Protein backbone atom coordinates (compact mmCIF):
# COMPACT_ATOMS: atom_id res chain seq x y z
CA MET A 1 -68.28 160.77 20.90
CA ALA A 2 -65.78 163.18 22.42
CA PRO A 3 -66.74 165.04 25.61
CA SER A 4 -67.19 168.82 25.40
CA HIS A 5 -67.25 171.67 27.91
CA SER A 6 -70.38 171.35 30.04
CA GLU A 7 -72.07 173.62 32.57
CA ILE A 8 -74.67 171.00 33.52
CA THR A 9 -74.38 170.10 37.18
CA SER A 10 -76.75 167.13 37.17
CA ARG A 11 -77.89 164.77 34.43
CA MET A 12 -81.44 165.25 35.72
CA GLU A 13 -81.29 168.77 34.26
CA VAL A 14 -81.47 167.27 30.77
CA ASP A 15 -84.87 167.51 29.07
CA LEU A 16 -85.45 164.44 26.89
CA SER A 17 -88.88 165.39 25.55
CA SER A 18 -89.32 165.53 21.79
CA ASN A 19 -90.39 168.42 19.58
CA ASP A 20 -91.63 166.25 16.69
CA GLY A 21 -95.31 166.32 17.69
CA SER A 22 -95.40 162.75 19.01
CA GLY A 23 -95.78 163.90 22.62
CA THR A 24 -93.07 161.71 24.11
CA THR A 25 -91.03 162.74 27.15
CA ILE A 26 -88.26 160.24 26.42
CA PRO A 27 -87.06 159.58 22.83
CA LEU A 28 -87.96 155.87 22.66
CA VAL A 29 -90.47 154.28 20.28
CA VAL A 30 -91.21 150.56 20.20
CA ALA A 31 -91.21 149.31 16.61
CA ASN A 32 -94.38 147.95 15.03
CA MET A 33 -93.35 144.29 15.31
CA THR A 34 -95.92 141.65 16.23
CA ALA A 35 -93.55 139.92 18.66
CA ILE A 36 -92.95 143.13 20.61
CA ALA A 37 -95.66 145.78 20.30
CA GLY A 38 -98.85 144.90 22.21
CA ARG A 39 -101.13 146.48 24.79
CA ARG A 40 -98.94 145.65 27.81
CA MET A 41 -95.90 147.14 26.13
CA ALA A 42 -97.92 150.17 24.97
CA GLU A 43 -99.24 151.18 28.37
CA THR A 44 -95.92 150.56 30.13
CA MET A 45 -93.91 152.58 27.61
CA ALA A 46 -96.39 155.47 27.60
CA ARG A 47 -96.42 155.55 31.40
CA ARG A 48 -92.66 156.17 31.28
CA GLY A 49 -92.86 158.71 28.45
CA GLY A 50 -92.28 156.59 25.34
CA LEU A 51 -94.51 155.37 22.53
CA VAL A 52 -95.50 152.03 21.00
CA VAL A 53 -96.56 151.55 17.37
CA ILE A 54 -99.19 148.83 17.01
CA PRO A 55 -98.40 146.71 13.90
CA GLN A 56 -100.29 147.10 10.63
CA ASP A 57 -101.07 143.38 10.22
CA ILE A 58 -103.60 143.37 13.04
CA PRO A 59 -107.31 143.79 12.11
CA ILE A 60 -108.60 147.32 12.68
CA PRO A 61 -111.26 146.25 15.27
CA VAL A 62 -108.54 144.55 17.33
CA VAL A 63 -106.30 147.63 17.10
CA ALA A 64 -109.24 149.79 18.20
CA GLU A 65 -109.74 147.53 21.20
CA VAL A 66 -106.04 147.77 22.11
CA ILE A 67 -106.08 151.57 21.81
CA ALA A 68 -109.19 151.80 24.01
CA SER A 69 -107.55 149.53 26.58
CA VAL A 70 -104.39 151.64 26.74
CA LYS A 71 -106.35 154.90 26.92
CA ALA A 72 -108.28 153.52 29.91
CA ARG A 73 -105.13 152.77 31.93
CA HIS A 74 -103.94 154.86 34.85
CA THR A 75 -100.95 157.10 34.22
CA PHE A 76 -99.34 156.23 37.56
CA PHE A 77 -100.78 153.00 38.97
CA GLU A 78 -99.89 149.82 37.11
CA THR A 79 -102.51 147.42 35.78
CA PRO A 80 -103.10 144.51 38.16
CA ILE A 81 -103.56 140.89 37.15
CA THR A 82 -106.71 139.67 38.88
CA LEU A 83 -108.13 136.22 39.59
CA THR A 84 -110.90 134.96 41.85
CA LEU A 85 -110.76 132.81 44.97
CA LYS A 86 -111.85 129.67 43.16
CA GLU A 87 -109.40 129.87 40.29
CA THR A 88 -106.34 127.67 40.50
CA VAL A 89 -102.60 127.74 40.85
CA ALA A 90 -102.40 126.67 37.20
CA ASP A 91 -104.38 129.78 36.19
CA ALA A 92 -102.05 131.98 38.23
CA ALA A 93 -98.88 130.34 36.88
CA SER A 94 -99.98 131.05 33.29
CA LEU A 95 -100.53 134.76 34.00
CA ILE A 96 -98.06 135.85 36.66
CA ASN A 97 -95.25 136.64 34.20
CA LYS A 98 -97.47 138.83 32.02
CA ARG A 99 -96.46 141.82 34.14
CA ALA A 100 -93.13 142.76 35.65
CA HIS A 101 -94.56 143.41 39.11
CA GLY A 102 -94.85 139.62 39.65
CA ALA A 103 -98.07 139.64 41.64
CA ILE A 104 -101.68 138.55 41.16
CA ILE A 105 -104.45 140.22 43.13
CA ILE A 106 -107.23 137.90 44.28
CA VAL A 107 -110.59 139.66 44.14
CA ASP A 108 -114.08 139.07 45.42
CA GLY A 109 -116.14 141.16 43.04
CA LYS A 110 -114.20 144.43 42.86
CA LYS A 111 -112.63 144.09 46.30
CA PRO A 112 -109.06 142.77 46.75
CA VAL A 113 -108.97 139.97 49.31
CA GLY A 114 -105.52 138.45 48.81
CA ILE A 115 -102.27 138.52 46.87
CA VAL A 116 -100.26 135.74 45.21
CA THR A 117 -96.62 135.87 44.15
CA GLU A 118 -94.51 133.36 42.24
CA GLU A 119 -93.07 132.04 45.50
CA ASP A 120 -96.57 131.14 46.68
CA LEU A 121 -97.02 128.90 43.65
CA ALA A 122 -93.81 126.90 44.02
CA GLY A 123 -94.27 123.26 44.95
CA VAL A 124 -98.06 123.49 45.06
CA ASP A 125 -100.46 121.19 43.20
CA ARG A 126 -101.63 122.92 40.01
CA PHE A 127 -105.30 122.35 40.81
CA THR A 128 -105.13 123.99 44.24
CA GLN A 129 -107.53 126.92 44.55
CA LEU A 130 -105.92 130.30 45.10
CA SER A 131 -107.86 130.84 48.31
CA GLN A 132 -105.58 128.17 49.81
CA VAL A 133 -102.25 129.77 48.85
CA MET A 134 -102.86 133.52 48.81
CA THR A 135 -101.60 135.93 51.44
CA GLN A 136 -104.69 137.20 53.22
CA GLU A 137 -103.03 139.86 55.34
CA LEU A 138 -103.35 142.46 52.62
CA THR A 139 -101.79 145.91 52.79
CA THR A 140 -103.81 148.19 50.50
CA MET A 141 -102.84 151.70 49.52
CA PRO A 142 -105.34 154.54 48.97
CA ASP A 143 -105.47 155.97 45.45
CA SER A 144 -105.04 159.51 46.76
CA LEU A 145 -101.27 159.24 47.29
CA ASP A 146 -98.75 160.82 44.96
CA PRO A 147 -95.57 158.92 43.89
CA ARG A 148 -93.39 160.15 46.78
CA GLN A 149 -96.14 159.38 49.30
CA ALA A 150 -96.66 155.96 47.70
CA PHE A 151 -92.96 155.14 48.07
CA ASP A 152 -92.98 156.20 51.73
CA PHE A 153 -96.15 154.18 52.34
CA LEU A 154 -94.55 151.00 51.01
CA ASN A 155 -91.17 151.65 52.58
CA GLU A 156 -92.61 152.23 56.06
CA ARG A 157 -94.57 148.98 55.86
CA LEU A 158 -91.65 146.99 54.42
CA ARG A 159 -93.64 146.18 51.29
CA THR A 160 -92.39 146.08 47.70
CA VAL A 161 -95.86 145.92 46.13
CA ALA A 162 -99.41 146.74 47.17
CA PRO A 163 -102.86 146.89 45.56
CA VAL A 164 -104.34 150.39 45.26
CA VAL A 165 -107.96 150.92 46.26
CA SER A 166 -110.53 153.67 45.91
CA ALA A 167 -112.34 155.28 48.86
CA ASN A 168 -114.97 152.51 48.78
CA GLY A 169 -112.37 149.75 48.69
CA ASP A 170 -112.57 148.83 44.98
CA LEU A 171 -109.33 147.77 43.28
CA VAL A 172 -108.02 150.47 40.94
CA GLY A 173 -104.43 149.39 40.34
CA ILE A 174 -101.19 148.15 41.81
CA VAL A 175 -98.02 149.98 42.76
CA THR A 176 -94.48 148.83 43.46
CA ARG A 177 -91.78 150.64 45.37
CA VAL A 178 -89.58 150.95 42.28
CA GLY A 179 -92.63 151.99 40.23
CA ALA A 180 -93.26 154.85 42.64
CA LEU A 181 -89.63 155.92 42.29
CA ARG A 182 -89.85 155.83 38.50
CA ALA A 183 -92.96 158.00 38.56
CA THR A 184 -90.80 160.76 40.08
CA LEU A 185 -88.19 160.39 37.33
CA TYR A 186 -90.36 160.00 34.22
CA ALA A 187 -93.34 161.99 32.95
CA PRO A 188 -95.97 159.94 31.09
CA ALA A 189 -96.68 160.56 27.41
CA ILE A 190 -100.28 161.77 27.52
CA ASP A 191 -102.73 163.29 25.06
CA LYS A 192 -104.78 166.46 25.51
CA SER A 193 -107.29 164.52 27.61
CA GLY A 194 -104.60 163.25 29.96
CA LYS A 195 -104.71 159.69 28.58
CA LEU A 196 -101.72 157.57 27.62
CA ARG A 197 -100.48 157.97 24.05
CA ILE A 198 -100.26 155.21 21.45
CA ALA A 199 -99.39 155.02 17.74
CA ALA A 200 -100.64 152.69 15.04
CA ALA A 201 -99.19 151.58 11.72
CA VAL A 202 -100.80 151.14 8.32
CA GLY A 203 -99.30 149.57 5.20
CA ILE A 204 -99.38 150.97 1.66
CA ASN A 205 -101.74 148.39 0.12
CA GLY A 206 -105.53 148.41 -0.03
CA ASP A 207 -107.70 151.35 0.99
CA VAL A 208 -105.03 153.15 3.00
CA ALA A 209 -107.11 156.31 3.52
CA ASP A 210 -110.00 154.32 5.01
CA LYS A 211 -107.67 152.41 7.35
CA ALA A 212 -105.95 155.59 8.46
CA THR A 213 -109.29 157.28 9.15
CA LYS A 214 -110.45 154.36 11.28
CA LEU A 215 -107.21 154.21 13.27
CA VAL A 216 -107.30 157.90 14.13
CA ALA A 217 -111.02 157.67 14.94
CA ALA A 218 -110.14 154.83 17.33
CA GLY A 219 -107.76 157.16 19.16
CA ALA A 220 -104.31 156.66 17.60
CA ASP A 221 -102.15 159.69 18.46
CA VAL A 222 -99.57 159.10 15.71
CA LEU A 223 -100.01 157.36 12.35
CA VAL A 224 -97.09 155.38 10.89
CA VAL A 225 -97.22 154.55 7.17
CA ASP A 226 -94.81 151.66 6.94
CA THR A 227 -93.13 149.53 4.31
CA ALA A 228 -89.61 148.12 3.98
CA HIS A 229 -88.79 150.26 0.91
CA GLY A 230 -90.38 153.62 1.62
CA HIS A 231 -88.97 155.51 -1.35
CA GLN A 232 -91.46 154.20 -3.90
CA LYS A 233 -94.52 155.32 -5.85
CA LYS A 234 -97.09 153.45 -3.74
CA MET A 235 -95.80 155.07 -0.57
CA ILE A 236 -96.02 158.52 -2.09
CA GLU A 237 -99.57 157.85 -3.28
CA ALA A 238 -100.56 156.52 0.15
CA LEU A 239 -99.12 159.60 1.86
CA GLN A 240 -100.89 161.96 -0.50
CA ALA A 241 -104.21 160.20 0.12
CA ILE A 242 -103.77 160.37 3.91
CA LYS A 243 -102.58 163.98 3.92
CA LYS A 244 -105.77 165.08 2.15
CA LEU A 245 -107.80 163.79 5.09
CA ASN A 246 -106.36 166.35 7.55
CA LEU A 247 -106.52 163.81 10.36
CA GLY A 248 -104.81 166.09 12.87
CA VAL A 249 -102.08 163.67 13.97
CA PRO A 250 -98.39 163.46 13.02
CA ILE A 251 -97.75 161.23 9.99
CA VAL A 252 -94.62 159.08 10.03
CA ALA A 253 -93.46 157.37 6.83
CA GLY A 254 -90.60 155.09 5.85
CA ASN A 255 -88.24 153.45 5.61
CA VAL A 256 -85.61 155.40 3.67
CA VAL A 257 -81.85 155.99 4.03
CA THR A 258 -81.16 158.91 1.67
CA ALA A 259 -81.77 162.65 1.50
CA ASP A 260 -83.68 162.11 -1.77
CA GLY A 261 -86.06 159.75 0.02
CA VAL A 262 -86.62 162.30 2.79
CA ARG A 263 -87.41 165.08 0.31
CA ASP A 264 -89.93 163.00 -1.63
CA LEU A 265 -91.77 161.70 1.42
CA VAL A 266 -91.95 165.10 3.08
CA ALA A 267 -93.26 166.59 -0.16
CA ALA A 268 -95.94 163.87 -0.23
CA GLY A 269 -97.14 164.75 3.26
CA ALA A 270 -94.96 163.07 5.90
CA ASP A 271 -94.11 164.99 9.08
CA ILE A 272 -91.58 162.42 10.29
CA ILE A 273 -89.38 160.08 8.27
CA LYS A 274 -88.44 156.62 9.48
CA VAL A 275 -84.80 155.84 8.67
CA GLY A 276 -83.18 152.42 8.42
CA VAL A 277 -82.81 149.61 5.89
CA GLY A 278 -81.26 146.40 7.13
CA PRO A 279 -79.87 147.22 10.61
CA GLY A 280 -82.47 145.26 12.60
CA ALA A 281 -81.50 142.16 14.59
CA MET A 282 -84.20 140.09 12.86
CA CYS A 283 -83.51 141.53 9.39
CA THR A 284 -81.59 139.71 6.63
CA THR A 285 -82.12 142.37 3.94
CA ARG A 286 -78.47 143.32 3.57
CA MET A 287 -77.23 139.76 3.38
CA GLN A 288 -79.99 138.65 1.01
CA THR A 289 -80.26 141.67 -1.27
CA GLY A 290 -77.09 143.70 -0.79
CA VAL A 291 -79.31 146.71 -0.06
CA GLY A 292 -78.99 148.96 2.96
CA ARG A 293 -76.78 151.52 4.58
CA PRO A 294 -74.90 151.81 7.89
CA GLN A 295 -77.39 153.31 10.31
CA PHE A 296 -75.42 156.24 11.69
CA SER A 297 -74.57 157.52 8.20
CA ALA A 298 -78.19 157.11 7.09
CA VAL A 299 -79.60 158.96 10.11
CA LEU A 300 -77.05 161.77 9.81
CA GLU A 301 -77.82 162.44 6.15
CA CYS A 302 -81.59 162.07 6.52
CA ALA A 303 -81.82 164.17 9.68
CA THR A 304 -79.80 166.96 8.08
CA GLU A 305 -82.17 167.06 5.11
CA ALA A 306 -85.30 166.75 7.27
CA LYS A 307 -84.21 169.72 9.39
CA LYS A 308 -83.99 171.89 6.27
CA LEU A 309 -87.58 170.94 5.44
CA GLY A 310 -88.98 171.44 8.94
CA ALA A 311 -89.45 167.69 9.40
CA HIS A 312 -87.96 165.08 11.74
CA VAL A 313 -86.56 161.55 11.54
CA TRP A 314 -86.90 158.43 13.66
CA ALA A 315 -83.91 156.09 13.70
CA ASP A 316 -85.33 152.62 13.14
CA GLY A 317 -83.14 149.62 13.94
CA GLY A 318 -79.58 148.74 14.85
CA VAL A 319 -80.07 149.37 18.57
CA ARG A 320 -78.39 146.77 20.76
CA HIS A 321 -76.79 148.88 23.49
CA PRO A 322 -77.63 152.20 25.21
CA ARG A 323 -74.76 153.79 23.27
CA ASP A 324 -76.62 153.14 20.00
CA VAL A 325 -79.54 155.26 21.21
CA ALA A 326 -77.23 158.14 22.12
CA LEU A 327 -75.41 158.00 18.79
CA ALA A 328 -78.64 157.99 16.77
CA LEU A 329 -79.85 161.07 18.65
CA ALA A 330 -76.46 162.71 18.23
CA ALA A 331 -76.88 162.15 14.49
CA GLY A 332 -80.11 164.16 14.62
CA ALA A 333 -82.95 161.68 15.17
CA SER A 334 -85.85 162.89 17.31
CA GLN A 335 -86.73 159.31 18.38
CA VAL A 336 -85.03 155.94 18.36
CA MET A 337 -87.12 152.89 17.51
CA ILE A 338 -86.33 149.68 19.37
CA GLY A 339 -87.47 146.22 18.32
CA SER A 340 -85.93 142.89 19.23
CA TRP A 341 -84.05 144.22 22.26
CA PHE A 342 -87.43 144.71 23.95
CA ALA A 343 -88.73 141.30 22.87
CA GLY A 344 -86.93 139.72 25.80
CA THR A 345 -89.06 141.40 28.47
CA TYR A 346 -92.13 140.53 30.51
CA GLU A 347 -94.19 143.12 28.62
CA SER A 348 -93.73 141.75 25.08
CA PRO A 349 -96.76 139.80 23.78
CA GLY A 350 -95.19 136.33 23.60
CA ASP A 351 -95.44 133.59 26.19
CA LEU A 352 -92.55 133.20 28.60
CA MET A 353 -90.65 129.96 27.96
CA ARG A 354 -87.59 128.33 29.44
CA ASP A 355 -84.72 126.44 27.84
CA SER A 356 -83.19 123.21 29.14
CA SER A 357 -81.09 125.12 31.67
CA GLY A 358 -84.09 127.04 33.01
CA ARG A 359 -83.27 130.39 31.40
CA ALA A 360 -86.37 132.43 30.58
CA TYR A 361 -86.85 133.63 27.00
CA LYS A 362 -89.41 134.83 24.47
CA GLU A 363 -89.45 134.34 20.73
CA SER A 364 -88.93 137.19 18.29
CA PHE A 365 -89.23 137.25 14.50
CA GLY A 366 -88.79 139.64 11.60
CA MET A 367 -91.79 141.23 9.89
CA ALA A 368 -90.75 139.86 6.47
CA SER A 369 -90.09 136.37 7.83
CA LYS A 370 -92.04 133.22 7.08
CA ARG A 371 -93.86 133.49 10.40
CA ALA A 372 -94.96 137.08 9.81
CA VAL A 373 -95.85 136.53 6.14
CA SER A 374 -97.98 133.50 7.02
CA ALA A 375 -100.01 135.59 9.44
CA ARG A 376 -100.28 138.49 7.00
CA THR A 377 -101.57 136.33 4.14
CA SER A 378 -103.82 134.00 6.15
CA GLN A 379 -106.95 135.31 4.40
CA GLU A 380 -105.59 134.69 0.89
CA ASP A 381 -106.02 131.48 -1.07
CA ALA A 382 -103.49 128.64 -0.92
CA PHE A 383 -101.94 129.43 -4.31
CA ASP A 384 -101.19 133.07 -3.51
CA ARG A 385 -99.86 132.17 -0.06
CA ALA A 386 -97.55 129.55 -1.56
CA ARG A 387 -96.19 131.99 -4.14
CA LYS A 388 -95.47 134.68 -1.57
CA ALA A 389 -93.79 132.13 0.68
CA LEU A 390 -91.04 131.79 -1.92
CA PHE A 391 -89.87 135.36 -1.23
CA GLU A 392 -89.69 135.46 2.55
CA GLU A 393 -86.84 137.30 4.27
CA GLY A 394 -85.85 137.68 7.88
CA ILE A 395 -85.59 135.38 10.87
CA SER A 396 -88.73 133.45 11.79
CA SER A 397 -87.77 132.46 15.31
CA SER A 398 -85.06 133.72 17.60
CA ARG A 399 -84.79 133.25 21.34
CA MET A 400 -84.55 136.57 23.16
CA PHE A 401 -83.43 135.75 26.69
CA LEU A 402 -84.63 137.87 29.57
CA ASP A 403 -81.80 139.52 31.48
CA PRO A 404 -82.21 138.24 35.06
CA ASN A 405 -81.15 141.66 36.34
CA ARG A 406 -83.34 143.62 33.90
CA PRO A 407 -86.28 141.39 32.94
CA GLY A 408 -88.85 144.16 32.46
CA VAL A 409 -88.95 146.81 29.76
CA GLU A 410 -88.84 149.51 32.44
CA ASP A 411 -85.53 148.07 33.62
CA LEU A 412 -84.15 148.52 30.11
CA ILE A 413 -85.60 152.02 29.88
CA ASP A 414 -83.76 152.91 33.09
CA GLU A 415 -80.49 151.64 31.60
CA ILE A 416 -80.97 153.47 28.31
CA ILE A 417 -82.13 156.78 29.77
CA SER A 418 -79.42 156.80 32.41
CA GLY A 419 -76.81 156.41 29.69
CA LEU A 420 -78.47 158.98 27.45
CA ARG A 421 -78.67 161.60 30.18
CA SER A 422 -74.98 161.11 30.86
CA SER A 423 -74.22 161.37 27.13
CA CYS A 424 -76.00 164.73 27.04
CA THR A 425 -74.03 166.01 30.03
CA TYR A 426 -70.75 164.94 28.38
CA ALA A 427 -71.81 167.01 25.36
CA GLY A 428 -72.95 169.93 27.51
CA ALA A 429 -76.49 169.66 26.11
CA LYS A 430 -79.63 170.46 28.10
CA ASN A 431 -82.02 168.96 25.54
CA LEU A 432 -82.05 166.76 22.45
CA GLU A 433 -81.77 169.63 19.99
CA GLU A 434 -78.64 170.91 21.73
CA PHE A 435 -77.31 167.35 21.87
CA ALA A 436 -77.54 166.95 18.08
CA ASP A 437 -75.82 170.34 17.62
CA ARG A 438 -73.09 169.92 20.22
CA ALA A 439 -72.18 166.23 19.99
CA VAL A 440 -68.75 165.62 18.45
CA VAL A 441 -68.67 162.15 16.91
CA GLY A 442 -65.58 160.50 15.46
CA ILE A 443 -64.81 157.25 13.67
CA GLN A 444 -63.88 154.34 15.92
CA SER A 445 -61.80 151.34 14.93
CA ALA A 446 -62.58 147.80 16.02
CA SER A 447 -59.71 147.95 18.51
CA GLY A 448 -61.02 151.24 19.87
CA TYR A 449 -64.44 149.68 20.34
CA ALA A 450 -62.89 146.67 22.11
CA GLU A 451 -60.92 149.02 24.37
CA GLY A 452 -64.18 150.59 25.55
CA ARG A 453 -65.77 147.31 26.56
CA PRO A 454 -65.60 146.25 30.21
CA LEU A 455 -63.29 143.40 31.16
CA ASN A 456 -66.26 141.05 31.44
CA GLN A 457 -66.47 140.21 27.73
CA SER A 458 -69.86 138.53 28.14
CA TRP A 459 -71.42 141.97 28.67
CA ARG A 460 -74.19 142.37 26.11
CA ASN A 461 -72.89 139.54 23.89
């Protein structure tokens, strides 16, 4: 992307909110992959302005529970991990990495009485009660402070994290110094009631209209109708059935990679088209079938067609560096979907594991892989499961290592958004629509790409 004349004096002048009806304030959507999109990821992304799509393979009652949980979360204060005085170091060790803030609040009823960090657990017998290892000199912060006041409160007391309490001393959340800073840089994605936003996916099989109705009734703010090959009869029929319901939420459908696919899905009722076949890190579609299309070309063609029809596109897949987000938006996408890159974070659903050298990782897998298909067909009989197992695609298990410097999804958001804001200033664009209009993108050779990499060749390998 070549730089253009710019009159923007600060990258913070750039408005990254979308105009596609999804309500995001940053153009990032977490893909509906079981290894990545869960309640922790959903609330964290929404708090920073993004959106998570809960996968379609999860039972509707469970999805409803997840949506209710996310809607109940505070838009500023983070969700604390809580344990009681009599629970053990083993209990704490199994939970402490479920959140990036790295702390567990010890409670007596609803009152915080201590705090435990990972350092407190080191070298301690696993059956030791937490009352014996917790820090009892607790600095609590009142819930009346705004983000700037919260930062000053922690900074003045030389604290990086503190539990937040109500006027009567009940625990209502937790706040970190960096979290307070982020709250001044990001606006949460909230619905009309001021609650965090969340999306949910539905497939094209079964009673799609009934599933869609239940998801929206449960509180889903965006509905994603999802299948690997979106330009097909069953998708069009599913969209037509959902559109008749007038559910009042944006309908996303895909995946396609051509202008023809965009036209047909928009005509069937889609507001947003999901673009991408084969670019995902866990996807083997192109190697196994020969089907797909380079992602930038697909997004450019589909976004151009969608704009003519008053619709939008989400770029789904192929994101491995911040530059990929910027290029997809330059091609005309209103959002960029991220999958496996976010699997290697504290907020993804998987358990944190370590390899023989002690490096922390989580497992990721494709949604057409053996692992995903086994879960999807668990209610079918043995014969049908065995037949479908013959046609699995995708990677069933891949280690996604946590970056020691950016182990949380918010760390990665900071990296992406910082780069994107700078990209917009290079293009002289104050918002995403101007960015897509003004960005000048050329073709880069392999040597040109290598020239742009830093001297440390291990960067992002």
